[in-house]
Amino acid sequence: MDTNHHIYTELAYQLRKREAPRTEEEITLIALKEWMARNFSYSAMRGYQWKELFLPHGAMLRLIHRGMTYYAE
């Protein structure tokens, strides 16, 4: 069996199983973009990751705590 076909079939199965809102093509593009970002250092994917929160490089963050507003870049 062709490896590419097997991977694509498994992806389609997992997306249907989880009732994912994205298509196989969308997931493939996301995976390729992330791979290129890691391997070719594309600045669009640089940033700070903390658990499920991702702040892209250059993002500004505003926090309000006890009535005080704080900004971070």
PDB file of N, CA and C in Angstrom:
ATOM      1  N   MET A   1       0.848  -1.195   0.000  1.00  0.00           N
ATOM      2  CA  MET A   1       0.000   0.000   0.000  1.00  0.00           C
ATOM      3  C   MET A   1       0.889   1.252   0.000  1.00  0.00           C
ATOM      4  N   ASP A   2       0.481   2.236  -0.745  1.00  0.00           N
ATOM      5  CA  ASP A   2       1.207   3.502  -0.811  1.00  0.00           C
ATOM      6  C   ASP A   2       1.129   4.201   0.547  1.00  0.00           C
ATOM      7  N   THR A   3       2.283   4.614   1.076  1.00  0.00           N
ATOM      8  CA  THR A   3       2.341   5.259   2.386  1.00  0.00           C
ATOM      9  C   THR A   3       1.535   6.547   2.418  1.00  0.00           C
ATOM     10  N   ASN A   4       1.644   7.362   1.371  1.00  0.00           N
ATOM     11  CA  ASN A   4       0.895   8.619   1.335  1.00  0.00           C
ATOM     12  C   ASN A   4      -0.602   8.381   1.402  1.00  0.00           C
ATOM     13  N   HIS A   5      -1.073   7.388   0.662  1.00  0.00           N
ATOM     14  CA  HIS A   5      -2.506   7.067   0.679  1.00  0.00           C
ATOM     15  C   HIS A   5      -2.931   6.604   2.074  1.00  0.00           C
ATOM     16  N   HIS A   6      -2.099   5.797   2.710  1.00  0.00           N
ATOM     17  CA  HIS A   6      -2.402   5.295   4.061  1.00  0.00           C
ATOM     18  C   HIS A   6      -2.510   6.453   5.057  1.00  0.00           C
ATOM     19  N   ILE A   7      -1.596   7.384   5.003  1.00  0.00           N
ATOM     20  CA  ILE A   7      -1.616   8.527   5.921  1.00  0.00           C
ATOM     21  C   ILE A   7      -2.848   9.384   5.673  1.00  0.00           C
ATOM     22  N   TYR A   8      -3.149   9.650   4.404  1.00  0.00           N
ATOM     23  CA  TYR A   8      -4.313  10.469   4.057  1.00  0.00           C
ATOM     24  C   TYR A   8      -5.612   9.784   4.490  1.00  0.00           C
ATOM     25  N   THR A   9      -5.694   8.459   4.306  1.00  0.00           N
ATOM     26  CA  THR A   9      -6.876   7.704   4.732  1.00  0.00           C
ATOM     27  C   THR A   9      -7.031   7.750   6.244  1.00  0.00           C
ATOM     28  N   GLU A  10      -5.930   7.618   6.972  1.00  0.00           N
ATOM     29  CA  GLU A  10      -5.973   7.690   8.436  1.00  0.00           C
ATOM     30  C   GLU A  10      -6.408   9.070   8.904  1.00  0.00           C
ATOM     31  N   LEU A  11      -5.905  10.121   8.251  1.00  0.00           N
ATOM     32  CA  LEU A  11      -6.310  11.483   8.579  1.00  0.00           C
ATOM     33  C   LEU A  11      -7.809  11.656   8.371  1.00  0.00           C
ATOM     34  N   ALA A  12      -8.318  11.205   7.225  1.00  0.00           N
ATOM     35  CA  ALA A  12      -9.753  11.315   6.939  1.00  0.00           C
ATOM     36  C   ALA A  12     -10.573  10.565   7.983  1.00  0.00           C
ATOM     37  N   TYR A  13     -10.112   9.377   8.368  1.00  0.00           N
ATOM     38  CA  TYR A  13     -10.816   8.584   9.386  1.00  0.00           C
ATOM     39  C   TYR A  13     -10.854   9.318  10.727  1.00  0.00           C
ATOM     40  N   GLN A  14      -9.709   9.851  11.163  1.00  0.00           N
ATOM     41  CA  GLN A  14      -9.646  10.534  12.455  1.00  0.00           C
ATOM     42  C   GLN A  14     -10.514  11.794  12.464  1.00  0.00           C
ATOM     43  N   LEU A  15     -10.538  12.533  11.343  1.00  0.00           N
ATOM     44  CA  LEU A  15     -11.366  13.738  11.277  1.00  0.00           C
ATOM     45  C   LEU A  15     -12.851  13.396  11.353  1.00  0.00           C
ATOM     46  N   ARG A  16     -13.264  12.331  10.656  1.00  0.00           N
ATOM     47  CA  ARG A  16     -14.673  11.914  10.728  1.00  0.00           C
ATOM     48  C   ARG A  16     -15.018  11.411  12.123  1.00  0.00           C
ATOM     49  N   LYS A  17     -14.119  10.649  12.710  1.00  0.00           N
ATOM     50  CA  LYS A  17     -14.336  10.069  14.046  1.00  0.00           C
ATOM     51  C   LYS A  17     -14.556  11.168  15.089  1.00  0.00           C
ATOM     52  N   ARG A  18     -13.831  12.265  14.957  1.00  0.00           N
ATOM     53  CA  ARG A  18     -13.926  13.369  15.917  1.00  0.00           C
ATOM     54  C   ARG A  18     -14.888  14.471  15.468  1.00  0.00           C
ATOM     55  N   GLU A  19     -15.535  14.258  14.332  1.00  0.00           N
ATOM     56  CA  GLU A  19     -16.440  15.255  13.760  1.00  0.00           C
ATOM     57  C   GLU A  19     -15.758  16.620  13.665  1.00  0.00           C
ATOM     58  N   ALA A  20     -14.535  16.609  13.169  1.00  0.00           N
ATOM     59  CA  ALA A  20     -13.733  17.830  13.043  1.00  0.00           C
ATOM     60  C   ALA A  20     -14.356  18.766  12.009  1.00  0.00           C
ATOM     61  N   PRO A  21     -14.343  20.059  12.302  1.00  0.00           N
ATOM     62  CA  PRO A  21     -14.955  21.010  11.366  1.00  0.00           C
ATOM     63  C   PRO A  21     -14.079  21.325  10.149  1.00  0.00           C
ATOM     64  N   ARG A  22     -12.836  20.869  10.125  1.00  0.00           N
ATOM     65  CA  ARG A  22     -11.925  21.175   9.020  1.00  0.00           C
ATOM     66  C   ARG A  22     -11.807  19.989   8.067  1.00  0.00           C
ATOM     67  N   THR A  23     -11.469  20.308   6.817  1.00  0.00           N
ATOM     68  CA  THR A  23     -11.292  19.268   5.806  1.00  0.00           C
ATOM     69  C   THR A  23      -9.871  18.721   5.859  1.00  0.00           C
ATOM     70  N   GLU A  24      -9.681  17.607   5.138  1.00  0.00           N
ATOM     71  CA  GLU A  24      -8.336  17.021   5.058  1.00  0.00           C
ATOM     72  C   GLU A  24      -7.360  18.022   4.436  1.00  0.00           C
ATOM     73  N   GLU A  25      -7.812  18.764   3.446  1.00  0.00           N
ATOM     74  CA  GLU A  25      -6.954  19.739   2.784  1.00  0.00           C
ATOM     75  C   GLU A  25      -6.531  20.853   3.748  1.00  0.00           C
ATOM     76  N   GLU A  26      -7.477  21.335   4.563  1.00  0.00           N
ATOM     77  CA  GLU A  26      -7.153  22.395   5.532  1.00  0.00           C
ATOM     78  C   GLU A  26      -6.131  21.902   6.549  1.00  0.00           C
ATOM     79  N   ILE A  27      -6.329  20.700   7.065  1.00  0.00           N
ATOM     80  CA  ILE A  27      -5.403  20.127   8.049  1.00  0.00           C
ATOM     81  C   ILE A  27      -4.022  19.932   7.415  1.00  0.00           C
ATOM     82  N   THR A  28      -3.993  19.474   6.173  1.00  0.00           N
ATOM     83  CA  THR A  28      -2.724  19.282   5.474  1.00  0.00           C
ATOM     84  C   THR A  28      -1.982  20.605   5.330  1.00  0.00           C
ATOM     85  N   LEU A  29      -2.686  21.677   4.961  1.00  0.00           N
ATOM     86  CA  LEU A  29      -2.045  22.981   4.827  1.00  0.00           C
ATOM     87  C   LEU A  29      -1.522  23.489   6.167  1.00  0.00           C
ATOM     88  N   ILE A  30      -2.296  23.300   7.228  1.00  0.00           N
ATOM     89  CA  ILE A  30      -1.855  23.708   8.567  1.00  0.00           C
ATOM     90  C   ILE A  30      -0.580  22.960   8.948  1.00  0.00           C
ATOM     91  N   ALA A  31      -0.576  21.657   8.717  1.00  0.00           N
ATOM     92  CA  ALA A  31       0.600  20.844   9.058  1.00  0.00           C
ATOM     93  C   ALA A  31       1.824  21.283   8.258  1.00  0.00           C
ATOM     94  N   LEU A  32       1.626  21.559   6.971  1.00  0.00           N
ATOM     95  CA  LEU A  32       2.751  22.002   6.149  1.00  0.00           C
ATOM     96  C   LEU A  32       3.282  23.358   6.606  1.00  0.00           C
ATOM     97  N   LYS A  33       2.391  24.274   6.931  1.00  0.00           N
ATOM     98  CA  LYS A  33       2.823  25.595   7.403  1.00  0.00           C
ATOM     99  C   LYS A  33       3.607  25.484   8.704  1.00  0.00           C
ATOM    100  N   GLU A  34       3.130  24.653   9.626  1.00  0.00           N
ATOM    101  CA  GLU A  34       3.841  24.473  10.896  1.00  0.00           C
ATOM    102  C   GLU A  34       5.196  23.823  10.678  1.00  0.00           C
ATOM    103  N   TRP A  35       5.256  22.834   9.778  1.00  0.00           N
ATOM    104  CA  TRP A  35       6.534  22.179   9.484  1.00  0.00           C
ATOM    105  C   TRP A  35       7.514  23.174   8.875  1.00  0.00           C
ATOM    106  N   MET A  36       7.041  23.985   7.925  1.00  0.00           N
ATOM    107  CA  MET A  36       7.919  24.980   7.306  1.00  0.00           C
ATOM    108  C   MET A  36       8.368  26.018   8.319  1.00  0.00           C
ATOM    109  N   ALA A  37       7.496  26.405   9.226  1.00  0.00           N
ATOM    110  CA  ALA A  37       7.861  27.385  10.250  1.00  0.00           C
ATOM    111  C   ALA A  37       8.975  26.846  11.141  1.00  0.00           C
ATOM    112  N   ARG A  38       8.869  25.571  11.523  1.00  0.00           N
ATOM    113  CA  ARG A  38       9.900  24.967  12.369  1.00  0.00           C
ATOM    114  C   ARG A  38      11.215  24.769  11.624  1.00  0.00           C
ATOM    115  N   ASN A  39      11.131  24.393  10.352  1.00  0.00           N
ATOM    116  CA  ASN A  39      12.331  24.037   9.602  1.00  0.00           C
ATOM    117  C   ASN A  39      12.959  25.176   8.818  1.00  0.00           C
ATOM    118  N   PHE A  40      12.185  26.200   8.502  1.00  0.00           N
ATOM    119  CA  PHE A  40      12.707  27.304   7.709  1.00  0.00           C
ATOM    120  C   PHE A  40      12.603  28.636   8.427  1.00  0.00           C
ATOM    121  N   SER A  41      12.196  28.609   9.687  1.00  0.00           N
ATOM    122  CA  SER A  41      12.113  29.798  10.543  1.00  0.00           C
ATOM    123  C   SER A  41      11.283  30.925   9.937  1.00  0.00           C
ATOM    124  N   TYR A  42      10.096  30.615   9.464  1.00  0.00           N
ATOM    125  CA  TYR A  42       9.195  31.662   8.974  1.00  0.00           C
ATOM    126  C   TYR A  42       8.715  32.477  10.160  1.00  0.00           C
ATOM    127  N   SER A  43       8.875  33.792  10.087  1.00  0.00           N
ATOM    128  CA  SER A  43       8.549  34.660  11.208  1.00  0.00           C
ATOM    129  C   SER A  43       7.060  34.677  11.523  1.00  0.00           C
ATOM    130  N   ALA A  44       6.198  34.313  10.573  1.00  0.00           N
ATOM    131  CA  ALA A  44       4.758  34.335  10.809  1.00  0.00           C
ATOM    132  C   ALA A  44       4.365  33.346  11.901  1.00  0.00           C
ATOM    133  N   MET A  45       5.161  32.314  12.098  1.00  0.00           N
ATOM    134  CA  MET A  45       4.810  31.299  13.088  1.00  0.00           C
ATOM    135  C   MET A  45       5.642  31.424  14.364  1.00  0.00           C
ATOM    136  N   ARG A  46       6.472  32.438  14.467  1.00  0.00           N
ATOM    137  CA  ARG A  46       7.254  32.622  15.689  1.00  0.00           C
ATOM    138  C   ARG A  46       6.379  33.269  16.742  1.00  0.00           C
ATOM    139  N   GLY A  47       6.693  32.998  17.968  1.00  0.00           N
ATOM    140  CA  GLY A  47       5.928  33.597  19.041  1.00  0.00           C
ATOM    141  C   GLY A  47       6.173  32.881  20.346  1.00  0.00           C
ATOM    142  N   TYR A  48       5.215  32.997  21.247  1.00  0.00           N
ATOM    143  CA  TYR A  48       5.317  32.410  22.577  1.00  0.00           C
ATOM    144  C   TYR A  48       4.161  31.446  22.776  1.00  0.00           C
ATOM    145  N   GLN A  49       4.453  30.223  23.164  1.00  0.00           N
ATOM    146  CA  GLN A  49       3.433  29.205  23.409  1.00  0.00           C
ATOM    147  C   GLN A  49       3.421  28.882  24.892  1.00  0.00           C
ATOM    148  N   TRP A  50       2.244  28.955  25.493  1.00  0.00           N
ATOM    149  CA  TRP A  50       2.056  28.542  26.886  1.00  0.00           C
ATOM    150  C   TRP A  50       0.775  27.752  26.944  1.00  0.00           C
ATOM    151  N   LYS A  51       0.903  26.457  27.218  1.00  0.00           N
ATOM    152  CA  LYS A  51      -0.213  25.519  27.180  1.00  0.00           C
ATOM    153  C   LYS A  51      -0.938  25.654  25.844  1.00  0.00           C
ATOM    154  N   GLU A  52      -2.211  26.048  25.848  1.00  0.00           N
ATOM    155  CA  GLU A  52      -2.964  26.165  24.598  1.00  0.00           C
ATOM    156  C   GLU A  52      -2.982  27.589  24.053  1.00  0.00           C
ATOM    157  N   LEU A  53      -2.277  28.497  24.696  1.00  0.00           N
ATOM    158  CA  LEU A  53      -2.235  29.892  24.257  1.00  0.00           C
ATOM    159  C   LEU A  53      -0.999  30.120  23.392  1.00  0.00           C
ATOM    160  N   PHE A  54      -1.199  30.679  22.198  1.00  0.00           N
ATOM    161  CA  PHE A  54      -0.094  31.038  21.326  1.00  0.00           C
ATOM    162  C   PHE A  54      -0.187  32.523  21.025  1.00  0.00           C
ATOM    163  N   LEU A  55       0.871  33.262  21.345  1.00  0.00           N
ATOM    164  CA  LEU A  55       0.960  34.680  21.031  1.00  0.00           C
ATOM    165  C   LEU A  55       1.993  34.841  19.924  1.00  0.00           C
ATOM    166  N   PRO A  56       1.567  35.251  18.716  1.00  0.00           N
ATOM    167  CA  PRO A  56       2.531  35.429  17.634  1.00  0.00           C
ATOM    168  C   PRO A  56       3.533  36.523  17.954  1.00  0.00           C
ATOM    169  N   HIS A  57       4.702  36.429  17.342  1.00  0.00           N
ATOM    170  CA  HIS A  57       5.746  37.422  17.539  1.00  0.00           C
ATOM    171  C   HIS A  57       5.195  38.816  17.244  1.00  0.00           C
ATOM    172  N   GLY A  58       5.415  39.757  18.150  1.00  0.00           N
ATOM    173  CA  GLY A  58       4.950  41.124  17.965  1.00  0.00           C
ATOM    174  C   GLY A  58       3.563  41.391  18.539  1.00  0.00           C
ATOM    175  N   ALA A  59       2.919  40.365  19.100  1.00  0.00           N
ATOM    176  CA  ALA A  59       1.583  40.561  19.664  1.00  0.00           C
ATOM    177  C   ALA A  59       1.659  41.448  20.901  1.00  0.00           C
ATOM    178  N   MET A  60       0.601  42.212  21.128  1.00  0.00           N
ATOM    179  CA  MET A  60       0.516  43.034  22.328  1.00  0.00           C
ATOM    180  C   MET A  60      -0.531  42.412  23.238  1.00  0.00           C
ATOM    181  N   LEU A  61      -0.247  42.388  24.518  1.00  0.00           N
ATOM    182  CA  LEU A  61      -1.122  41.771  25.493  1.00  0.00           C
ATOM    183  C   LEU A  61      -1.543  42.812  26.515  1.00  0.00           C
ATOM    184  N   ARG A  62      -2.850  42.859  26.828  1.00  0.00           N
ATOM    185  CA  ARG A  62      -3.351  43.779  27.848  1.00  0.00           C
ATOM    186  C   ARG A  62      -4.003  42.948  28.941  1.00  0.00           C
ATOM    187  N   LEU A  63      -3.602  43.183  30.170  1.00  0.00           N
ATOM    188  CA  LEU A  63      -4.162  42.495  31.324  1.00  0.00           C
ATOM    189  C   LEU A  63      -4.740  43.518  32.290  1.00  0.00           C
ATOM    190  N   ILE A  64      -5.859  43.168  32.864  1.00  0.00           N
ATOM    191  CA  ILE A  64      -6.454  44.015  33.901  1.00  0.00           C
ATOM    192  C   ILE A  64      -6.538  43.174  35.164  1.00  0.00           C
ATOM    193  N   HIS A  65      -5.901  43.674  36.216  1.00  0.00           N
ATOM    194  CA  HIS A  65      -5.876  42.951  37.489  1.00  0.00           C
ATOM    195  C   HIS A  65      -6.124  43.956  38.611  1.00  0.00           C
ATOM    196  N   ARG A  66      -7.185  43.722  39.364  1.00  0.00           N
ATOM    197  CA  ARG A  66      -7.559  44.592  40.483  1.00  0.00           C
ATOM    198  C   ARG A  66      -7.648  46.063  40.069  1.00  0.00           C
ATOM    199  N   GLY A  67      -8.241  46.277  38.900  1.00  0.00           N
ATOM    200  CA  GLY A  67      -8.464  47.637  38.442  1.00  0.00           C
ATOM    201  C   GLY A  67      -7.274  48.299  37.783  1.00  0.00           C
ATOM    202  N   MET A  68      -6.147  47.655  37.782  1.00  0.00           N
ATOM    203  CA  MET A  68      -4.944  48.198  37.136  1.00  0.00           C
ATOM    204  C   MET A  68      -4.782  47.523  35.771  1.00  0.00           C
ATOM    205  N   THR A  69      -4.405  48.317  34.767  1.00  0.00           N
ATOM    206  CA  THR A  69      -4.200  47.794  33.432  1.00  0.00           C
ATOM    207  C   THR A  69      -2.709  47.676  33.156  1.00  0.00           C
ATOM    208  N   TYR A  70      -2.312  46.521  32.655  1.00  0.00           N
ATOM    209  CA  TYR A  70      -0.913  46.245  32.337  1.00  0.00           C
ATOM    210  C   TYR A  70      -0.806  45.877  30.868  1.00  0.00           C
ATOM    211  N   TYR A  71       0.275  46.295  30.225  1.00  0.00           N
ATOM    212  CA  TYR A  71       0.514  45.989  28.822  1.00  0.00           C
ATOM    213  C   TYR A  71       1.844  45.257  28.691  1.00  0.00           C
ATOM    214  N   ALA A  72       1.868  44.336  27.743  1.00  0.00           N
ATOM    215  CA  ALA A  72       3.117  43.617  27.457  1.00  0.00           C
ATOM    216  C   ALA A  72       3.241  43.475  25.951  1.00  0.00           C
ATOM    217  N   GLU A  73       4.455  43.438  25.489  1.00  0.00           N
ATOM    218  CA  GLU A  73       4.682  43.285  24.057  1.00  0.00           C
ATOM    219  C   GLU A  73       5.592  42.128  23.813  1.00  0.00           C
TER     220      GLU A  73
END
